[in-house]
Amino acid sequence: MRQVLRQEKKYLLNNIDYYMITGTLEKLLIPDPHNKGQGYKVRSLYFDTLDDKDYAEKIMGIELRKKIRLRVYNPTDNFAYLEIKQKEGMYQKKRSLKLSKEDSLELISLNYEVLLKYDNPFAYECYSLLKENCYQPKTVVEYNRKAFIAKENNIRITLDSNICATESNYNIFDENLLLYPVFTKENVVLEVKYNGFILSYIKNLLDNCEKSELSVSKYCLARQVSLNYVF
């Protein structure tokens, strides 16, 4: 199991500032080795309760909340990561567990008992949470990501574009998954994850571009397309 406790800020950029800031980041920071020029794909299946409790808590801004997701970076992979991302005041805590493709497909089919074969406290916690609260798959979200790393203060900056989703097919390993856009292609979501504080030269870079701080998550963006109610 991997566990990360970080602070996170999220911004909405326009296309012009996206290209400007990407060019600067490529000169100042270390590109993520997975970038491969144009970045890499991220595809996540989000789970929620029957009454969409996690979605509601995010919309209402509850301080202590969570998201549960199953994530792949390529549908041809033979594994996925089961993750719980928790918001605790100003901090974000992410824990993850690598699952085989077969076990991931069992989770998608609501067979949560498959987690019991992992000799891992986090797997047992996920099993109890999913089973006792009647979690179900709700939406798949996919986007293109470019990421950069600053070794100082363990800072990671990601730029996510072409955000799409589907609520009709939850198989994240489907290479022909049909997705619809949930966000305008002219906008990009920038996230800064850091420990303690943001270095001044990165803060100055962000201050020099047109942006607005974003509170809504990609999960909520996807769900708002189909949900016809607001909390």
Protein backbone atom coordinates (compact mmCIF):
# COMPACT_ATOMS: atom_id res chain seq x y z
CA MET A 1 0.00 0.00 0.00
CA ARG A 2 1.16 3.51 -0.81
CA GLN A 3 0.13 6.47 1.36
CA VAL A 4 0.60 10.17 0.59
CA LEU A 5 -0.39 13.15 2.79
CA ARG A 6 -0.19 16.42 0.89
CA GLN A 7 -1.68 19.84 0.33
CA GLU A 8 -3.35 20.52 -2.99
CA LYS A 9 -4.48 23.55 -4.97
CA LYS A 10 -6.54 23.34 -8.15
CA TYR A 11 -6.94 25.98 -10.87
CA LEU A 12 -8.78 26.44 -14.15
CA LEU A 13 -6.61 27.68 -17.04
CA ASN A 14 -7.48 28.87 -20.52
CA ASN A 15 -5.68 27.46 -23.56
CA ILE A 16 -3.29 30.40 -23.96
CA ASP A 17 -2.04 30.15 -20.39
CA TYR A 18 -1.86 26.37 -20.67
CA TYR A 19 0.70 26.60 -23.49
CA MET A 20 2.56 29.43 -21.75
CA ILE A 21 2.86 27.68 -18.42
CA THR A 22 3.68 24.30 -20.01
CA GLY A 23 6.59 25.84 -21.91
CA THR A 24 7.92 27.40 -18.73
CA LEU A 25 7.49 24.25 -16.65
CA GLU A 26 9.40 22.24 -19.24
CA LYS A 27 12.38 24.55 -18.67
CA LEU A 28 12.18 24.80 -14.87
CA LEU A 29 10.98 21.41 -13.63
CA ILE A 30 11.55 17.74 -14.31
CA PRO A 31 8.98 16.27 -16.74
CA ASP A 32 7.24 13.17 -15.47
CA PRO A 33 8.90 10.21 -17.26
CA HIS A 34 5.43 9.06 -18.38
CA ASN A 35 4.76 12.29 -20.30
CA LYS A 36 6.19 11.02 -23.60
CA GLY A 37 5.76 14.37 -25.31
CA GLN A 38 2.01 14.96 -25.22
CA GLY A 39 1.40 13.49 -21.77
CA TYR A 40 -0.39 10.31 -20.76
CA LYS A 41 -3.93 9.07 -20.22
CA VAL A 42 -5.57 8.63 -16.83
CA ARG A 43 -8.78 6.63 -16.55
CA SER A 44 -10.65 6.21 -13.25
CA LEU A 45 -13.83 4.44 -12.20
CA TYR A 46 -15.45 6.19 -9.23
CA PHE A 47 -17.61 4.40 -6.68
CA ASP A 48 -20.28 6.07 -4.56
CA THR A 49 -23.15 5.09 -2.29
CA LEU A 50 -26.69 4.51 -3.51
CA ASP A 51 -27.62 8.05 -2.46
CA ASP A 52 -24.39 9.63 -3.80
CA LYS A 53 -23.05 10.55 -0.37
CA ASP A 54 -19.48 11.30 -1.49
CA TYR A 55 -20.70 13.49 -4.35
CA ALA A 56 -23.00 15.42 -2.00
CA GLU A 57 -20.27 15.99 0.58
CA LYS A 58 -17.94 17.38 -2.07
CA ILE A 59 -20.59 19.74 -3.44
CA MET A 60 -21.42 20.93 0.09
CA GLY A 61 -17.74 21.42 0.97
CA ILE A 62 -17.68 19.03 3.94
CA GLU A 63 -14.20 19.22 5.50
CA LEU A 64 -13.79 15.48 6.06
CA ARG A 65 -14.71 13.58 2.92
CA LYS A 66 -13.40 10.93 0.54
CA LYS A 67 -13.46 9.48 -2.95
CA ILE A 68 -13.03 5.82 -3.87
CA ARG A 69 -11.74 4.96 -7.32
CA LEU A 70 -10.17 2.26 -9.45
CA ARG A 71 -7.51 3.72 -11.76
CA VAL A 72 -5.56 2.59 -14.83
CA TYR A 73 -3.11 4.48 -17.00
CA ASN A 74 -3.55 2.25 -20.04
CA PRO A 75 -6.54 -0.02 -20.75
CA THR A 76 -4.13 -2.70 -21.95
CA ASP A 77 -2.54 -2.95 -18.47
CA ASN A 78 -3.04 -6.16 -16.51
CA PHE A 79 -3.45 -4.28 -13.24
CA ALA A 80 -5.21 -1.27 -11.68
CA TYR A 81 -4.92 0.78 -8.50
CA LEU A 82 -7.69 0.85 -5.92
CA GLU A 83 -7.44 4.25 -4.24
CA ILE A 84 -9.09 6.19 -1.44
CA LYS A 85 -8.47 9.93 -1.54
CA GLN A 86 -9.46 11.69 1.68
CA LYS A 87 -9.80 15.39 2.38
CA GLU A 88 -8.80 16.31 5.93
CA GLY A 89 -9.01 20.07 6.33
CA MET A 90 -6.22 21.59 4.22
CA TYR A 91 -4.59 18.23 3.61
CA GLN A 92 -5.23 15.44 1.12
CA LYS A 93 -4.38 11.85 1.98
CA LYS A 94 -4.22 9.25 -0.78
CA ARG A 95 -3.80 5.53 -0.20
CA SER A 96 -3.62 2.95 -2.95
CA LEU A 97 -3.35 -0.78 -3.52
CA LYS A 98 -2.31 -2.51 -6.75
CA LEU A 99 -4.85 -5.09 -7.92
CA SER A 100 -4.71 -7.60 -10.76
CA LYS A 101 -6.92 -7.02 -13.79
CA GLU A 102 -9.01 -10.06 -12.86
CA ASP A 103 -9.65 -8.78 -9.34
CA SER A 104 -10.36 -5.29 -10.64
CA LEU A 105 -13.04 -6.67 -12.94
CA GLU A 106 -14.53 -8.52 -9.96
CA LEU A 107 -14.78 -5.21 -8.08
CA ILE A 108 -16.50 -3.63 -11.07
CA SER A 109 -19.00 -6.52 -10.91
CA LEU A 110 -19.65 -5.73 -7.21
CA ASN A 111 -17.77 -8.80 -5.95
CA TYR A 112 -15.99 -6.98 -3.14
CA GLU A 113 -15.10 -10.26 -1.40
CA VAL A 114 -12.15 -10.52 -3.78
CA LEU A 115 -10.36 -7.97 -1.57
CA LEU A 116 -10.30 -10.42 1.33
CA LYS A 117 -7.63 -12.51 -0.35
CA TYR A 118 -5.15 -9.62 -0.06
CA ASP A 119 -3.26 -9.83 3.23
CA ASN A 120 -3.39 -6.08 3.67
CA PRO A 121 -5.20 -3.86 6.25
CA PHE A 122 -6.06 -1.32 3.55
CA ALA A 123 -7.71 -4.03 1.44
CA TYR A 124 -9.82 -5.07 4.45
CA GLU A 125 -10.75 -1.43 5.09
CA CYS A 126 -11.83 -0.99 1.46
CA TYR A 127 -13.88 -4.17 1.61
CA SER A 128 -15.73 -3.02 4.75
CA LEU A 129 -16.34 0.44 3.34
CA LEU A 130 -17.61 -0.75 -0.04
CA LYS A 131 -19.74 -3.56 1.37
CA GLU A 132 -21.29 -1.92 4.43
CA ASN A 133 -22.14 1.36 2.67
CA CYS A 134 -23.46 -0.26 -0.53
CA TYR A 135 -20.97 1.41 -2.83
CA GLN A 136 -21.49 0.95 -6.56
CA PRO A 137 -19.66 2.04 -9.72
CA LYS A 138 -20.98 5.44 -10.80
CA THR A 139 -18.85 6.92 -13.57
CA VAL A 140 -15.64 6.51 -15.54
CA VAL A 141 -13.56 9.65 -16.05
CA GLU A 142 -10.69 9.91 -18.53
CA TYR A 143 -8.35 12.77 -19.35
CA ASN A 144 -4.93 13.59 -20.77
CA ARG A 145 -2.32 14.57 -18.18
CA LYS A 146 1.02 16.32 -18.34
CA ALA A 147 2.99 16.27 -15.11
CA PHE A 148 6.09 18.02 -13.79
CA ILE A 149 8.12 17.50 -10.64
CA ALA A 150 10.20 19.79 -8.42
CA LYS A 151 12.50 17.82 -6.14
CA GLU A 152 12.48 20.64 -3.61
CA ASN A 153 9.55 20.23 -1.25
CA ASN A 154 8.27 17.26 -3.29
CA ILE A 155 6.11 19.48 -5.52
CA ARG A 156 4.13 17.93 -8.37
CA ILE A 157 2.22 19.96 -10.96
CA THR A 158 -0.29 18.31 -13.28
CA LEU A 159 -2.24 19.74 -16.22
CA ASP A 160 -5.36 17.79 -17.20
CA SER A 161 -7.18 18.34 -20.49
CA ASN A 162 -9.83 16.67 -22.68
CA ILE A 163 -11.82 15.51 -19.66
CA CYS A 164 -14.42 12.94 -20.73
CA ALA A 165 -16.69 10.45 -18.97
CA THR A 166 -19.26 7.71 -19.31
CA GLU A 167 -21.88 6.22 -17.03
CA SER A 168 -22.94 3.43 -19.37
CA ASN A 169 -19.84 1.22 -19.34
CA TYR A 170 -17.69 0.79 -16.22
CA ASN A 171 -15.04 -1.46 -17.75
CA ILE A 172 -11.91 0.66 -17.48
CA PHE A 173 -10.00 -1.98 -19.47
CA ASP A 174 -12.23 -1.54 -22.53
CA GLU A 175 -10.00 -0.18 -25.30
CA ASN A 176 -13.05 1.09 -27.21
CA LEU A 177 -14.81 2.83 -24.34
CA LEU A 178 -17.25 5.47 -25.63
CA LEU A 179 -16.84 8.74 -23.74
CA TYR A 180 -18.49 12.15 -23.90
CA PRO A 181 -16.88 15.50 -22.98
CA VAL A 182 -17.79 16.93 -19.59
CA PHE A 183 -15.63 20.03 -19.81
CA THR A 184 -14.86 22.53 -22.54
CA LYS A 185 -11.74 21.73 -24.57
CA GLU A 186 -10.62 25.35 -24.20
CA ASN A 187 -9.98 24.88 -20.49
CA VAL A 188 -7.37 22.89 -18.58
CA VAL A 189 -7.32 21.89 -14.90
CA LEU A 190 -3.99 22.59 -13.20
CA GLU A 191 -3.26 20.97 -9.86
CA VAL A 192 -0.35 21.70 -7.54
CA LYS A 193 0.43 19.09 -4.88
CA TYR A 194 3.04 19.96 -2.28
CA ASN A 195 4.32 19.45 1.25
CA GLY A 196 4.23 22.48 3.55
CA PHE A 197 4.49 25.40 1.11
CA ILE A 198 4.80 26.25 -2.59
CA LEU A 199 8.24 27.48 -3.67
CA SER A 200 8.27 31.18 -4.57
CA TYR A 201 9.27 30.78 -8.23
CA ILE A 202 6.37 28.38 -8.82
CA LYS A 203 3.96 30.68 -6.99
CA ASN A 204 5.13 33.62 -9.14
CA LEU A 205 4.60 31.56 -12.28
CA LEU A 206 1.03 30.78 -11.27
CA ASP A 207 0.36 34.41 -10.32
CA ASN A 208 1.31 35.54 -13.82
CA CYS A 209 -1.39 33.58 -15.64
CA GLU A 210 -5.14 34.01 -15.88
CA LYS A 211 -6.67 31.41 -13.62
CA SER A 212 -9.45 30.83 -11.14
CA GLU A 213 -9.20 28.51 -8.17
CA LEU A 214 -11.35 25.46 -8.78
CA SER A 215 -13.26 23.64 -6.06
CA VAL A 216 -15.18 21.10 -8.11
CA SER A 217 -13.54 17.74 -8.77
CA LYS A 218 -13.38 15.86 -12.06
CA TYR A 219 -15.68 13.27 -10.48
CA CYS A 220 -18.29 15.95 -9.76
CA LEU A 221 -17.94 17.41 -13.26
CA ALA A 222 -18.73 14.00 -14.70
CA ARG A 223 -21.68 13.34 -12.39
CA GLN A 224 -23.25 16.75 -12.98
CA VAL A 225 -23.84 15.83 -16.61
CA SER A 226 -26.36 13.14 -15.65
CA LEU A 227 -27.60 14.21 -12.22
CA ASN A 228 -30.56 16.56 -12.39
CA TYR A 229 -30.44 17.66 -8.78
CA VAL A 230 -28.18 19.96 -6.78
CA PHE A 231 -27.37 19.56 -3.08
